[in-house]
């Protein structure tokens, strides 16, 4: 039994990660889109036709193009911490965007920065910060 103990420590974080991502899974529509403290124009918000979280992947469809990011979530804090790793242009592949995520009912709130330290809350006043409020379909 003893040789299995180290293996359990390797499996447990992956299991917790999967459970945290499982809670976020679904198809969403964009309810609010704020960039650097200002709401983006409605036409830009409405250009995002689909947001999907499945497994460890976030896919945002905008103007017919899919933007994909791999996700890592730690729900050991409240709100949970999330790291997004873009997989395609216009972003540098795998450069982490550090953020926070919170799911309340059918509403998912995501705030992240493209550069710098992880945000402490869902405000978006700092440069390169974004907040998305998504409604589960």
C-alpha atoms as a PDB file:
ATOM      1  CA  UNK A   1       0.000   0.000   0.000  1.00  0.00           C
ATOM      2  CA  UNK A   2       2.826   2.367   0.785  1.00  0.00           C
ATOM      3  CA  UNK A   3       4.182   2.608  -2.812  1.00  0.00           C
ATOM      4  CA  UNK A   4       0.803   3.969  -3.955  1.00  0.00           C
ATOM      5  CA  UNK A   5       0.871   6.939  -1.571  1.00  0.00           C
ATOM      6  CA  UNK A   6       3.193   9.141  -3.711  1.00  0.00           C
ATOM      7  CA  UNK A   7       1.017   8.368  -6.726  1.00  0.00           C
ATOM      8  CA  UNK A   8      -2.061   9.686  -4.894  1.00  0.00           C
ATOM      9  CA  UNK A   9      -0.355  13.060  -4.381  1.00  0.00           C
ATOM     10  CA  UNK A  10       0.175  13.296  -8.148  1.00  0.00           C
ATOM     11  CA  UNK A  11      -3.409  12.361  -9.007  1.00  0.00           C
ATOM     12  CA  UNK A  12      -5.196  14.577  -6.438  1.00  0.00           C
ATOM     13  CA  UNK A  13      -4.320  17.991  -8.003  1.00  0.00           C
ATOM     14  CA  UNK A  14      -5.376  16.765 -11.452  1.00  0.00           C
ATOM     15  CA  UNK A  15      -8.662  15.473 -10.034  1.00  0.00           C
ATOM     16  CA  UNK A  16      -9.351  18.792  -8.275  1.00  0.00           C
ATOM     17  CA  UNK A  17      -8.527  20.642 -11.517  1.00  0.00           C
ATOM     18  CA  UNK A  18     -10.974  18.458 -13.468  1.00  0.00           C
ATOM     19  CA  UNK A  19     -13.739  19.028 -10.888  1.00  0.00           C
ATOM     20  CA  UNK A  20     -13.216  22.815 -10.949  1.00  0.00           C
ATOM     21  CA  UNK A  21     -13.354  22.869 -14.762  1.00  0.00           C
ATOM     22  CA  UNK A  22     -16.393  20.586 -14.789  1.00  0.00           C
ATOM     23  CA  UNK A  23     -18.345  23.191 -12.782  1.00  0.00           C
ATOM     24  CA  UNK A  24     -17.583  25.844 -15.441  1.00  0.00           C
ATOM     25  CA  UNK A  25     -18.441  23.689 -18.462  1.00  0.00           C
ATOM     26  CA  UNK A  26     -21.151  24.936 -20.775  1.00  0.00           C
ATOM     27  CA  UNK A  27     -22.207  27.297 -23.524  1.00  0.00           C
ATOM     28  CA  UNK A  28     -22.469  30.967 -22.658  1.00  0.00           C
ATOM     29  CA  UNK A  29     -23.555  34.273 -24.123  1.00  0.00           C
ATOM     30  CA  UNK A  30     -21.845  37.573 -23.315  1.00  0.00           C
ATOM     31  CA  UNK A  31     -23.873  39.716 -20.936  1.00  0.00           C
ATOM     32  CA  UNK A  32     -21.172  42.289 -20.160  1.00  0.00           C
ATOM     33  CA  UNK A  33     -17.726  43.022 -21.662  1.00  0.00           C
ATOM     34  CA  UNK A  34     -15.502  45.577 -19.935  1.00  0.00           C
ATOM     35  CA  UNK A  35     -11.974  46.487 -21.003  1.00  0.00           C
ATOM     36  CA  UNK A  36      -9.695  48.699 -18.877  1.00  0.00           C
ATOM     37  CA  UNK A  37     -12.637  50.007 -16.875  1.00  0.00           C
ATOM     38  CA  UNK A  38     -14.886  50.871 -19.849  1.00  0.00           C
ATOM     39  CA  UNK A  39     -17.709  48.882 -21.420  1.00  0.00           C
ATOM     40  CA  UNK A  40     -16.847  47.901 -24.976  1.00  0.00           C
ATOM     41  CA  UNK A  41     -19.267  49.112 -27.675  1.00  0.00           C
ATOM     42  CA  UNK A  42     -22.375  46.939 -28.106  1.00  0.00           C
ATOM     43  CA  UNK A  43     -21.389  45.959 -31.661  1.00  0.00           C
ATOM     44  CA  UNK A  44     -18.102  44.526 -30.357  1.00  0.00           C
ATOM     45  CA  UNK A  45     -19.867  42.661 -27.522  1.00  0.00           C
ATOM     46  CA  UNK A  46     -22.475  41.310 -29.933  1.00  0.00           C
ATOM     47  CA  UNK A  47     -19.773  40.157 -32.379  1.00  0.00           C
ATOM     48  CA  UNK A  48     -18.992  37.367 -29.888  1.00  0.00           C
ATOM     49  CA  UNK A  49     -21.458  34.771 -31.100  1.00  0.00           C
ATOM     50  CA  UNK A  50     -20.426  31.887 -28.830  1.00  0.00           C
ATOM     51  CA  UNK A  51     -18.438  31.157 -25.687  1.00  0.00           C
ATOM     52  CA  UNK A  52     -17.884  27.529 -24.743  1.00  0.00           C
ATOM     53  CA  UNK A  53     -16.003  25.849 -21.931  1.00  0.00           C
ATOM     54  CA  UNK A  54     -15.410  22.135 -22.437  1.00  0.00           C
ATOM     55  CA  UNK A  55     -12.769  20.164 -20.592  1.00  0.00           C
ATOM     56  CA  UNK A  56      -9.720  22.390 -20.195  1.00  0.00           C
ATOM     57  CA  UNK A  57     -10.575  24.542 -23.219  1.00  0.00           C
ATOM     58  CA  UNK A  58     -12.280  27.921 -23.617  1.00  0.00           C
ATOM     59  CA  UNK A  59     -13.451  28.747 -27.148  1.00  0.00           C
ATOM     60  CA  UNK A  60     -14.714  32.209 -28.052  1.00  0.00           C
ATOM     61  CA  UNK A  61     -16.236  32.643 -31.502  1.00  0.00           C
ATOM     62  CA  UNK A  62     -16.092  36.209 -32.756  1.00  0.00           C
ATOM     63  CA  UNK A  63     -16.712  37.368 -36.315  1.00  0.00           C
ATOM     64  CA  UNK A  64     -16.598  33.738 -37.468  1.00  0.00           C
ATOM     65  CA  UNK A  65     -13.138  33.120 -35.971  1.00  0.00           C
ATOM     66  CA  UNK A  66     -12.460  30.848 -33.008  1.00  0.00           C
ATOM     67  CA  UNK A  67     -10.121  32.054 -30.279  1.00  0.00           C
ATOM     68  CA  UNK A  68      -8.999  29.125 -28.142  1.00  0.00           C
ATOM     69  CA  UNK A  69      -7.337  29.077 -24.737  1.00  0.00           C
ATOM     70  CA  UNK A  70      -6.369  26.211 -22.468  1.00  0.00           C
ATOM     71  CA  UNK A  71      -7.498  26.688 -18.874  1.00  0.00           C
ATOM     72  CA  UNK A  72      -6.125  25.950 -15.422  1.00  0.00           C
ATOM     73  CA  UNK A  73      -8.365  26.604 -12.441  1.00  0.00           C
ATOM     74  CA  UNK A  74      -7.647  26.543  -8.731  1.00  0.00           C
ATOM     75  CA  UNK A  75     -10.729  26.765  -6.565  1.00  0.00           C
ATOM     76  CA  UNK A  76      -8.716  26.841  -3.341  1.00  0.00           C
ATOM     77  CA  UNK A  77      -9.434  30.570  -3.060  1.00  0.00           C
ATOM     78  CA  UNK A  78     -12.626  32.589  -3.326  1.00  0.00           C
ATOM     79  CA  UNK A  79     -12.995  33.733  -6.002  1.00  0.00           C
ATOM     80  CA  UNK A  80     -11.210  30.919  -7.827  1.00  0.00           C
ATOM     81  CA  UNK A  81      -7.996  31.643  -9.708  1.00  0.00           C
ATOM     82  CA  UNK A  82      -7.854  30.930 -13.429  1.00  0.00           C
ATOM     83  CA  UNK A  83      -5.020  30.978 -15.938  1.00  0.00           C
ATOM     84  CA  UNK A  84      -5.815  31.213 -19.635  1.00  0.00           C
ATOM     85  CA  UNK A  85      -3.203  30.044 -22.139  1.00  0.00           C
ATOM     86  CA  UNK A  86      -4.053  31.341 -25.649  1.00  0.00           C
ATOM     87  CA  UNK A  87      -3.557  28.805 -28.413  1.00  0.00           C
ATOM     88  CA  UNK A  88      -3.874  30.957 -31.533  1.00  0.00           C
ATOM     89  CA  UNK A  89      -3.371  34.420 -32.965  1.00  0.00           C
ATOM     90  CA  UNK A  90      -3.615  37.271 -32.328  1.00  0.00           C
ATOM     91  CA  UNK A  91      -2.142  36.213 -28.963  1.00  0.00           C
ATOM     92  CA  UNK A  92       1.233  34.701 -28.169  1.00  0.00           C
ATOM     93  CA  UNK A  93       0.696  30.956 -27.734  1.00  0.00           C
ATOM     94  CA  UNK A  94       0.752  29.701 -24.135  1.00  0.00           C
ATOM     95  CA  UNK A  95       1.582  33.113 -22.606  1.00  0.00           C
ATOM     96  CA  UNK A  96      -0.590  33.026 -19.462  1.00  0.00           C
ATOM     97  CA  UNK A  97      -3.325  35.528 -18.773  1.00  0.00           C
ATOM     98  CA  UNK A  98      -3.855  35.474 -14.991  1.00  0.00           C
ATOM     99  CA  UNK A  99      -7.326  35.970 -13.635  1.00  0.00           C
ATOM    100  CA  UNK A 100     -10.225  35.237 -11.341  1.00  0.00           C
ATOM    101  CA  UNK A 101     -13.430  33.354 -12.068  1.00  0.00           C
ATOM    102  CA  UNK A 102     -16.688  33.019 -10.193  1.00  0.00           C
ATOM    103  CA  UNK A 103     -19.822  31.049 -11.006  1.00  0.00           C
ATOM    104  CA  UNK A 104     -23.066  32.099  -9.311  1.00  0.00           C
ATOM    105  CA  UNK A 105     -26.125  30.290 -10.611  1.00  0.00           C
ATOM    106  CA  UNK A 106     -25.995  30.650 -14.402  1.00  0.00           C
ATOM    107  CA  UNK A 107     -23.711  33.695 -14.350  1.00  0.00           C
ATOM    108  CA  UNK A 108     -19.967  33.271 -14.843  1.00  0.00           C
ATOM    109  CA  UNK A 109     -17.750  36.280 -14.158  1.00  0.00           C
ATOM    110  CA  UNK A 110     -14.199  36.222 -15.490  1.00  0.00           C
ATOM    111  CA  UNK A 111     -11.591  38.939 -14.968  1.00  0.00           C
ATOM    112  CA  UNK A 112      -8.046  38.665 -16.253  1.00  0.00           C
ATOM    113  CA  UNK A 113      -4.967  40.639 -17.201  1.00  0.00           C
ATOM    114  CA  UNK A 114      -2.837  40.052 -20.260  1.00  0.00           C
ATOM    115  CA  UNK A 115       0.272  41.350 -18.470  1.00  0.00           C
ATOM    116  CA  UNK A 116       1.151  41.692 -14.821  1.00  0.00           C
ATOM    117  CA  UNK A 117      -0.118  40.328 -11.547  1.00  0.00           C
ATOM    118  CA  UNK A 118      -3.353  38.453 -11.083  1.00  0.00           C
ATOM    119  CA  UNK A 119      -6.242  40.820 -10.285  1.00  0.00           C
ATOM    120  CA  UNK A 120      -7.386  40.970  -6.650  1.00  0.00           C
ATOM    121  CA  UNK A 121     -11.052  41.544  -7.593  1.00  0.00           C
ATOM    122  CA  UNK A 122     -13.325  41.866 -10.626  1.00  0.00           C
ATOM    123  CA  UNK A 123     -12.600  45.540 -11.260  1.00  0.00           C
ATOM    124  CA  UNK A 124     -10.873  46.312 -14.562  1.00  0.00           C
ATOM    125  CA  UNK A 125      -9.260  49.704 -14.147  1.00  0.00           C
ATOM    126  CA  UNK A 126      -5.693  48.572 -14.841  1.00  0.00           C
ATOM    127  CA  UNK A 127      -4.143  48.460 -18.294  1.00  0.00           C
ATOM    128  CA  UNK A 128      -4.700  45.215 -20.260  1.00  0.00           C
ATOM    129  CA  UNK A 129      -7.477  44.111 -17.897  1.00  0.00           C
ATOM    130  CA  UNK A 130     -10.720  42.572 -19.092  1.00  0.00           C
ATOM    131  CA  UNK A 131     -13.925  41.475 -17.391  1.00  0.00           C
ATOM    132  CA  UNK A 132     -16.482  39.250 -19.056  1.00  0.00           C
ATOM    133  CA  UNK A 133     -19.821  38.440 -17.494  1.00  0.00           C
ATOM    134  CA  UNK A 134     -21.336  35.427 -19.194  1.00  0.00           C
ATOM    135  CA  UNK A 135     -24.816  33.938 -18.985  1.00  0.00           C
ATOM    136  CA  UNK A 136     -25.152  30.171 -19.320  1.00  0.00           C
ATOM    137  CA  UNK A 137     -27.458  29.180 -22.186  1.00  0.00           C
END
